[in-house]
């Protein structure tokens, strides 16, 4: 069985995830995974830079999410 957990801010998603993890259920946090694939030095970040230019990086080489958001939205 696969269960997806969604909800707005402050609805208890993190609390329920911790409870489920404590019971032995494997947890995949999409927010964590989305950040991991764009860490400095990853192929994911390199692909984004290829499309949007190095201008979407911070001075430390991390993805500047607000700047990228301005371009996309």
N, C-alpha and C. Protein backbone atom coordinates (compact mmCIF):
# COMPACT_ATOMS: atom_id res chain seq x y z
N UNK A 1 0.84 -1.17 0.00
CA UNK A 1 0.00 0.00 0.00
C UNK A 1 0.90 1.24 0.00
N UNK A 2 0.53 2.22 -0.77
CA UNK A 2 1.21 3.51 -0.79
C UNK A 2 0.21 4.57 -0.37
N UNK A 3 0.62 5.42 0.57
CA UNK A 3 -0.24 6.48 1.08
C UNK A 3 0.42 7.81 0.79
N UNK A 4 -0.33 8.74 0.24
CA UNK A 4 0.16 10.10 0.02
C UNK A 4 -0.42 11.01 1.07
N UNK A 5 0.42 11.83 1.67
CA UNK A 5 -0.02 12.74 2.72
C UNK A 5 0.12 14.18 2.21
N UNK A 6 -0.99 14.88 2.13
CA UNK A 6 -0.98 16.27 1.67
C UNK A 6 -1.78 17.11 2.65
N UNK A 7 -1.64 18.41 2.51
CA UNK A 7 -2.42 19.30 3.36
C UNK A 7 -1.77 20.66 3.43
N UNK A 8 -2.49 21.60 3.94
CA UNK A 8 -1.99 22.96 4.06
C UNK A 8 -1.02 23.11 5.21
N UNK A 9 -0.57 24.34 5.39
CA UNK A 9 0.36 24.66 6.47
C UNK A 9 -0.32 24.41 7.82
N UNK A 10 0.44 23.82 8.74
CA UNK A 10 0.00 23.59 10.13
C UNK A 10 -1.19 22.65 10.24
N UNK A 11 -1.24 21.64 9.35
CA UNK A 11 -2.33 20.66 9.43
C UNK A 11 -1.90 19.34 10.05
N UNK A 12 -0.62 19.25 10.44
CA UNK A 12 -0.14 18.05 11.13
C UNK A 12 0.59 17.05 10.26
N UNK A 13 0.98 17.44 9.06
CA UNK A 13 1.69 16.52 8.16
C UNK A 13 3.00 16.03 8.78
N UNK A 14 3.77 16.92 9.32
CA UNK A 14 5.07 16.54 9.91
C UNK A 14 4.87 15.65 11.13
N UNK A 15 3.89 15.98 11.93
CA UNK A 15 3.60 15.17 13.12
C UNK A 15 3.20 13.77 12.72
N UNK A 16 2.31 13.64 11.76
CA UNK A 16 1.88 12.33 11.31
C UNK A 16 3.02 11.56 10.65
N UNK A 17 3.85 12.26 9.88
CA UNK A 17 5.01 11.60 9.25
C UNK A 17 5.95 11.03 10.30
N UNK A 18 6.24 11.81 11.35
CA UNK A 18 7.11 11.32 12.43
C UNK A 18 6.48 10.12 13.12
N UNK A 19 5.19 10.19 13.37
CA UNK A 19 4.49 9.08 14.03
C UNK A 19 4.57 7.82 13.18
N UNK A 20 4.33 7.97 11.88
CA UNK A 20 4.39 6.82 10.97
C UNK A 20 5.81 6.25 10.89
N UNK A 21 6.81 7.14 10.84
CA UNK A 21 8.21 6.69 10.81
C UNK A 21 8.55 5.93 12.08
N UNK A 22 8.07 6.43 13.23
CA UNK A 22 8.33 5.75 14.50
C UNK A 22 7.69 4.36 14.54
N UNK A 23 6.64 4.18 13.76
CA UNK A 23 5.98 2.87 13.68
C UNK A 23 6.64 1.96 12.64
N UNK A 24 7.67 2.48 11.97
CA UNK A 24 8.42 1.65 11.03
C UNK A 24 8.05 1.83 9.57
N UNK A 25 7.16 2.74 9.27
CA UNK A 25 6.78 2.97 7.88
C UNK A 25 7.87 3.80 7.18
N UNK A 26 8.24 3.42 5.96
CA UNK A 26 9.20 4.25 5.22
C UNK A 26 8.53 5.55 4.78
N UNK A 27 9.24 6.65 4.92
CA UNK A 27 8.71 7.97 4.58
C UNK A 27 9.56 8.58 3.47
N UNK A 28 8.93 9.06 2.44
CA UNK A 28 9.60 9.82 1.39
C UNK A 28 9.02 11.22 1.44
N UNK A 29 9.84 12.18 1.80
CA UNK A 29 9.41 13.57 1.90
C UNK A 29 9.78 14.27 0.59
N UNK A 30 8.79 14.62 -0.19
CA UNK A 30 9.03 15.23 -1.50
C UNK A 30 9.73 16.58 -1.37
N UNK A 31 9.48 17.33 -0.30
CA UNK A 31 10.16 18.61 -0.11
C UNK A 31 11.66 18.40 0.08
N UNK A 32 12.02 17.39 0.87
CA UNK A 32 13.44 17.08 1.09
C UNK A 32 14.08 16.60 -0.20
N UNK A 33 13.40 15.71 -0.92
CA UNK A 33 13.95 15.19 -2.18
C UNK A 33 14.14 16.31 -3.20
N UNK A 34 13.19 17.23 -3.26
CA UNK A 34 13.28 18.33 -4.23
C UNK A 34 14.47 19.23 -3.93
N UNK A 35 14.82 19.38 -2.68
CA UNK A 35 15.99 20.19 -2.32
C UNK A 35 17.29 19.43 -2.59
N UNK A 36 17.27 18.12 -2.35
CA UNK A 36 18.48 17.32 -2.56
C UNK A 36 18.91 17.29 -4.02
N UNK A 37 17.97 17.24 -4.94
CA UNK A 37 18.33 17.11 -6.35
C UNK A 37 18.87 18.39 -6.95
N UNK A 38 18.80 19.51 -6.21
CA UNK A 38 19.36 20.77 -6.72
C UNK A 38 20.46 21.32 -5.81
N UNK A 39 21.06 20.46 -5.01
CA UNK A 39 22.18 20.89 -4.19
C UNK A 39 23.37 21.21 -5.09
N UNK A 40 24.27 22.08 -4.62
CA UNK A 40 25.45 22.40 -5.43
C UNK A 40 26.21 21.13 -5.83
N UNK A 41 26.61 21.09 -7.09
CA UNK A 41 27.36 19.96 -7.60
C UNK A 41 26.52 18.82 -8.15
N UNK A 42 25.19 18.94 -8.06
CA UNK A 42 24.34 17.86 -8.56
C UNK A 42 23.99 18.07 -10.03
N UNK A 43 23.71 16.97 -10.74
CA UNK A 43 23.27 17.10 -12.13
C UNK A 43 21.99 17.91 -12.26
N UNK A 44 21.10 17.81 -11.26
CA UNK A 44 19.85 18.57 -11.31
C UNK A 44 20.08 20.07 -11.35
N UNK A 45 20.98 20.54 -10.50
CA UNK A 45 21.28 21.97 -10.49
C UNK A 45 21.97 22.38 -11.78
N UNK A 46 22.85 21.53 -12.27
CA UNK A 46 23.54 21.83 -13.54
C UNK A 46 22.54 21.99 -14.69
N UNK A 47 21.52 21.13 -14.71
CA UNK A 47 20.51 21.23 -15.77
C UNK A 47 19.72 22.53 -15.67
N UNK A 48 19.40 22.94 -14.46
CA UNK A 48 18.65 24.19 -14.27
C UNK A 48 19.51 25.38 -14.71
N UNK A 49 20.80 25.35 -14.35
CA UNK A 49 21.71 26.42 -14.74
C UNK A 49 21.85 26.46 -16.26
N UNK A 50 21.88 25.29 -16.91
CA UNK A 50 21.96 25.24 -18.37
C UNK A 50 20.78 25.95 -19.03
N UNK A 51 19.62 25.82 -18.44
CA UNK A 51 18.41 26.42 -19.01
C UNK A 51 18.29 27.89 -18.64
N UNK A 52 18.56 28.24 -17.38
CA UNK A 52 18.28 29.59 -16.88
C UNK A 52 19.51 30.47 -16.68
N UNK A 53 20.69 29.94 -16.85
CA UNK A 53 21.98 30.63 -16.70
C UNK A 53 22.42 30.65 -15.24
N UNK A 54 23.70 30.91 -15.02
CA UNK A 54 24.23 30.97 -13.65
C UNK A 54 23.65 32.13 -12.82
N UNK A 55 22.89 33.00 -13.45
CA UNK A 55 22.27 34.11 -12.71
C UNK A 55 21.29 33.62 -11.65
N UNK A 56 20.85 32.37 -11.73
CA UNK A 56 19.89 31.87 -10.74
C UNK A 56 20.59 31.21 -9.55
N UNK A 57 21.90 31.42 -9.43
CA UNK A 57 22.65 30.91 -8.29
C UNK A 57 22.96 32.02 -7.30
N UNK A 58 23.03 31.65 -6.03
CA UNK A 58 23.46 32.59 -5.00
C UNK A 58 24.97 32.75 -5.08
N UNK A 59 25.52 33.63 -4.29
CA UNK A 59 26.97 33.82 -4.28
C UNK A 59 27.71 32.59 -3.78
N UNK A 60 27.00 31.70 -3.08
CA UNK A 60 27.63 30.47 -2.58
C UNK A 60 27.38 29.28 -3.50
N UNK A 61 26.74 29.51 -4.66
CA UNK A 61 26.52 28.45 -5.63
C UNK A 61 25.26 27.64 -5.43
N UNK A 62 24.40 28.10 -4.55
CA UNK A 62 23.13 27.40 -4.32
C UNK A 62 22.05 27.97 -5.23
N UNK A 63 21.01 27.20 -5.43
CA UNK A 63 19.88 27.67 -6.22
C UNK A 63 19.19 28.82 -5.50
N UNK A 64 19.04 29.93 -6.20
CA UNK A 64 18.32 31.08 -5.65
C UNK A 64 16.85 30.89 -6.01
N UNK A 65 16.13 30.24 -5.12
CA UNK A 65 14.73 29.88 -5.40
C UNK A 65 13.84 31.10 -5.66
N UNK A 66 13.96 32.17 -4.89
CA UNK A 66 13.13 33.34 -5.20
C UNK A 66 13.42 33.90 -6.59
N UNK A 67 14.68 33.95 -6.97
CA UNK A 67 15.04 34.48 -8.29
C UNK A 67 14.49 33.58 -9.39
N UNK A 68 14.63 32.28 -9.22
CA UNK A 68 14.10 31.34 -10.20
C UNK A 68 12.57 31.46 -10.27
N UNK A 69 11.94 31.65 -9.12
CA UNK A 69 10.49 31.83 -9.09
C UNK A 69 10.04 33.06 -9.86
N UNK A 70 10.81 34.13 -9.75
CA UNK A 70 10.47 35.35 -10.50
C UNK A 70 10.50 35.09 -12.00
N UNK A 71 11.48 34.31 -12.44
CA UNK A 71 11.60 34.00 -13.87
C UNK A 71 10.45 33.11 -14.32
N UNK A 72 10.16 32.11 -13.55
CA UNK A 72 9.15 31.12 -13.94
C UNK A 72 7.73 31.68 -13.83
N UNK A 73 7.47 32.38 -12.74
CA UNK A 73 6.10 32.84 -12.49
C UNK A 73 5.94 34.29 -12.85
